[in-house]
Protein backbone atom coordinates (compact mmCIF):
# COMPACT_ATOMS: atom_id res chain seq x y z
CA MET A 1 60.65 -5.51 -4.64
CA ASN A 2 59.07 -2.26 -3.60
CA LEU A 3 55.61 -1.02 -4.59
CA SER A 4 57.01 2.36 -5.49
CA ASN A 5 59.20 0.69 -8.12
CA ILE A 6 56.18 -0.90 -9.87
CA GLN A 7 53.86 2.11 -9.80
CA PRO A 8 55.98 5.11 -8.93
CA HIS A 9 53.15 7.61 -9.48
CA LEU A 10 50.93 5.93 -6.84
CA ASP A 11 51.90 6.78 -3.32
CA ASN A 12 50.38 5.38 -0.13
CA HIS A 13 47.88 8.22 0.23
CA MET A 14 46.46 7.56 -3.22
CA LEU A 15 46.15 3.83 -2.49
CA TYR A 16 44.35 4.54 0.78
CA ALA A 17 41.94 6.88 -1.02
CA ILE A 18 41.17 4.26 -3.67
CA VAL A 19 40.58 1.55 -1.05
CA ILE A 20 38.31 3.86 0.96
CA CYS A 21 36.31 4.75 -2.17
CA ILE A 22 35.88 1.09 -3.07
CA ILE A 23 34.73 0.31 0.47
CA ALA A 24 32.29 3.26 0.44
CA ILE A 25 30.82 2.17 -2.91
CA THR A 26 30.47 -1.40 -1.63
CA ILE A 27 28.71 -0.19 1.53
CA CYS A 28 26.31 2.02 -0.47
CA PHE A 29 25.54 -0.85 -2.83
CA SER A 30 24.91 -3.20 0.12
CA ILE A 31 22.59 -0.69 1.78
CA CYS A 32 20.59 -0.31 -1.45
CA ILE A 33 20.23 -4.06 -1.85
CA PHE A 34 19.26 -4.46 1.81
CA TYR A 35 16.64 -1.69 1.55
CA LEU A 36 15.14 -3.11 -1.63
CA SER A 37 14.98 -6.64 -0.23
CA PHE A 38 13.33 -5.36 2.97
CA ARG A 39 10.80 -3.36 0.95
CA THR A 40 10.02 -6.39 -1.22
CA LYS A 41 9.46 -8.56 1.85
CA LYS A 42 7.13 -5.96 3.33
CA ILE A 43 5.00 -5.90 0.19
CA ALA A 44 5.20 -9.70 -0.11
CA LYS A 45 3.68 -10.03 3.36
CA LEU A 46 0.84 -7.80 2.31
CA VAL A 47 0.30 -9.39 -1.10
CA ASP A 48 -0.15 -13.14 -0.85
CA SER A 49 1.42 -14.70 -3.91
CA SER A 50 -1.33 -17.33 -4.00
CA SER A 51 -3.84 -14.51 -4.55
CA PRO A 52 -2.95 -12.63 -7.72
CA SER A 53 -5.02 -9.56 -8.43
CA HIS A 54 -7.32 -11.25 -10.93
CA LYS A 55 -8.10 -13.95 -8.38
CA VAL A 56 -8.69 -11.43 -5.58
CA ASP A 57 -10.74 -9.31 -7.95
CA SER A 58 -12.96 -12.22 -8.91
CA ASN A 59 -13.30 -13.52 -5.33
CA LYS A 60 -14.87 -10.47 -3.74
CA SER A 61 -17.26 -12.61 -1.71
CA GLN A 62 -14.62 -13.11 1.00
CA TRP A 63 -14.19 -9.35 1.28
CA ARG A 64 -17.97 -8.87 1.39
CA LYS A 65 -18.20 -11.44 4.19
CA SER A 66 -15.58 -9.54 6.18
CA ILE A 67 -17.55 -6.32 5.76
CA ASP A 68 -20.81 -8.04 6.71
CA SER A 69 -19.09 -9.60 9.73
CA ILE A 70 -18.03 -6.16 10.97
CA VAL A 71 -21.57 -4.83 10.59
CA ASP A 72 -22.94 -7.90 12.41
CA ASP A 73 -20.39 -7.51 15.22
CA TYR A 74 -21.42 -3.88 15.59
CA ASN A 75 -25.14 -4.72 15.56
CA ASN A 76 -24.53 -7.40 18.22
CA ASN A 77 -22.64 -4.84 20.36
CA LEU A 78 -19.39 -6.79 20.09
CA ILE A 79 -17.49 -3.75 18.77
CA SER A 80 -18.01 -0.02 19.05
CA HIS A 81 -18.92 2.37 16.26
CA ASP A 82 -15.33 3.67 16.12
CA GLU A 83 -13.88 0.14 16.01
CA ALA A 84 -16.24 -0.79 13.18
CA CYS A 85 -15.23 2.26 11.13
CA ALA A 86 -11.55 1.58 11.76
CA LYS A 87 -11.96 -2.05 10.63
CA LEU A 88 -13.89 -0.98 7.53
CA ALA A 89 -11.17 1.53 6.63
CA SER A 90 -8.59 -1.21 7.14
CA ILE A 91 -10.44 -3.54 4.77
CA ALA A 92 -10.60 -0.85 2.08
CA ARG A 93 -6.88 -0.14 2.42
CA LYS A 94 -5.89 -3.83 2.40
CA TYR A 95 -8.06 -4.60 -0.62
CA VAL A 96 -6.57 -1.79 -2.68
CA SER A 97 -3.07 -2.69 -1.44
CA LEU A 98 -3.55 -6.24 -2.70
CA LEU A 99 -4.74 -5.13 -6.10
CA THR A 100 -2.11 -2.45 -6.63
CA GLY A 101 0.85 -4.14 -4.95
CA LYS A 102 1.53 -0.92 -3.02
CA ASP A 103 1.22 -0.98 0.76
CA ILE A 104 -1.12 1.90 1.52
CA THR A 105 -2.33 0.58 4.88
CA THR A 106 -0.61 3.37 6.80
CA PHE A 107 -1.02 6.23 4.32
CA THR A 108 -2.37 9.54 5.57
CA LEU A 109 -5.16 11.36 3.75
CA LYS A 110 -2.56 13.61 2.13
CA GLU A 111 -0.62 10.60 0.86
CA LEU A 112 -3.83 8.99 -0.40
CA SER A 113 -4.70 12.20 -2.24
CA SER A 114 -1.32 12.19 -3.96
CA LEU A 115 -1.94 8.69 -5.36
CA ARG A 116 -4.21 10.20 -8.00
CA ASN A 117 -1.14 11.72 -9.64
CA LYS A 118 0.85 8.47 -9.43
CA TRP A 119 -1.67 5.79 -10.44
CA ASN A 120 -3.19 5.21 -13.85
CA ASN A 121 -6.44 4.24 -12.12
CA LYS A 122 -7.40 7.80 -11.21
CA ILE A 123 -11.07 6.99 -10.64
CA GLY A 124 -10.11 4.21 -8.21
CA ALA A 125 -7.65 6.50 -6.42
CA ASP A 126 -10.39 9.12 -6.05
CA LYS A 127 -12.87 6.56 -4.70
CA LEU A 128 -10.32 5.26 -2.22
CA ARG A 129 -9.55 8.77 -0.99
CA GLN A 130 -13.25 9.63 -0.72
CA THR A 131 -14.04 6.41 1.15
CA ILE A 132 -11.21 6.81 3.64
CA THR A 133 -12.01 10.52 4.02
CA ALA A 134 -15.61 9.62 4.80
CA LEU A 135 -14.48 7.05 7.38
CA TYR A 136 -11.89 9.36 8.97
CA PRO A 137 -14.40 11.51 10.83
CA CYS A 138 -15.93 8.37 12.27
CA GLU A 139 -12.55 6.92 13.07
CA PHE A 140 -10.87 9.98 14.58
CA ALA A 141 -13.41 12.76 15.10
CA ASP A 142 -15.05 13.83 18.32
CA ARG A 143 -18.62 12.69 17.72
CA ASN A 144 -19.96 15.47 19.96
CA ILE A 145 -18.45 18.19 17.75
CA ASN A 146 -18.26 16.71 14.24
CA ASN A 147 -21.68 16.54 12.60
CA GLN A 148 -20.62 14.05 9.91
CA ALA A 149 -19.26 11.67 12.55
CA GLN A 150 -22.62 11.81 14.34
CA GLN A 151 -24.61 11.10 11.20
CA THR A 152 -22.51 8.31 9.68
CA SER A 153 -23.83 4.88 10.56
CA VAL A 154 -21.78 1.70 10.40
CA GLU A 155 -24.14 0.42 7.71
CA GLN A 156 -23.50 3.54 5.62
CA ALA A 157 -19.74 3.22 6.11
CA ALA A 158 -19.92 -0.47 5.12
CA HIS A 159 -21.89 0.53 2.02
CA TRP A 160 -19.13 2.99 1.02
CA VAL A 161 -16.48 0.29 1.38
CA LEU A 162 -18.62 -2.13 -0.66
CA ILE A 163 -18.96 0.49 -3.40
CA LEU A 164 -15.18 0.87 -3.45
CA LEU A 165 -14.75 -2.91 -3.53
CA GLU A 166 -17.27 -3.42 -6.33
CA SER A 167 -16.19 -0.51 -8.47
CA TRP A 168 -12.43 -0.79 -8.10
CA SER A 169 -10.87 -1.56 -11.43
CA SER A 170 -7.57 -3.35 -11.27
CA ASN A 171 -7.54 -3.14 -15.05
CA ASP A 172 -5.66 0.12 -15.25
CA ARG A 173 -3.31 0.70 -18.17
CA ASN A 174 -0.34 -1.05 -16.55
CA SER A 175 -2.38 -4.17 -15.80
CA LYS A 176 -3.69 -4.27 -19.37
CA ARG A 177 -0.18 -3.96 -20.76
CA LYS A 178 1.08 -6.77 -18.51
CA SER A 179 -1.79 -9.08 -19.44
CA ARG A 180 -1.24 -8.37 -23.16
CA ARG A 181 2.46 -9.17 -22.81
CA ASN A 182 1.69 -12.38 -20.91
CA SER A 183 -0.87 -13.50 -23.49
CA LYS A 184 1.68 -13.04 -26.29
CA ILE A 185 4.23 -15.22 -24.50
């Protein structure tokens, strides 16, 4: 029996095209699944599942201790001014990343500024941007040229991060909706 007898309108070229399309769709689908699973793993590393946002939010003492430890290390000359500011900026980024579930640890100032348009917690997004902006001169600026970098102390930078930590509200509209849904279940 010949294939042309069963489906005379399908020739070999058409069959090859169909097979190639199916393979291409399968490859695209596989790439999408691979990308999404990689992205989920990256966020999962950042957000410890044993520390949901309400638990992290209520246990700020550990974050405060980390900030105090950086200030103490600086005061004891164990780290430089620039290292202290970089560590403080890292704490601010990690804390907000944990609460939001979005890895912002490597975001630029421009990307941080754009978060205001994407997040419901606009006040928190503004405070994050302002805090990181204030730490940037200390972290990257030439202290001989940049006046703000000369005047910003590690204690002041730590205070800014503490303000962000204390005032951050993880109770934006999405969180409230989720908690309402969970309480109804």
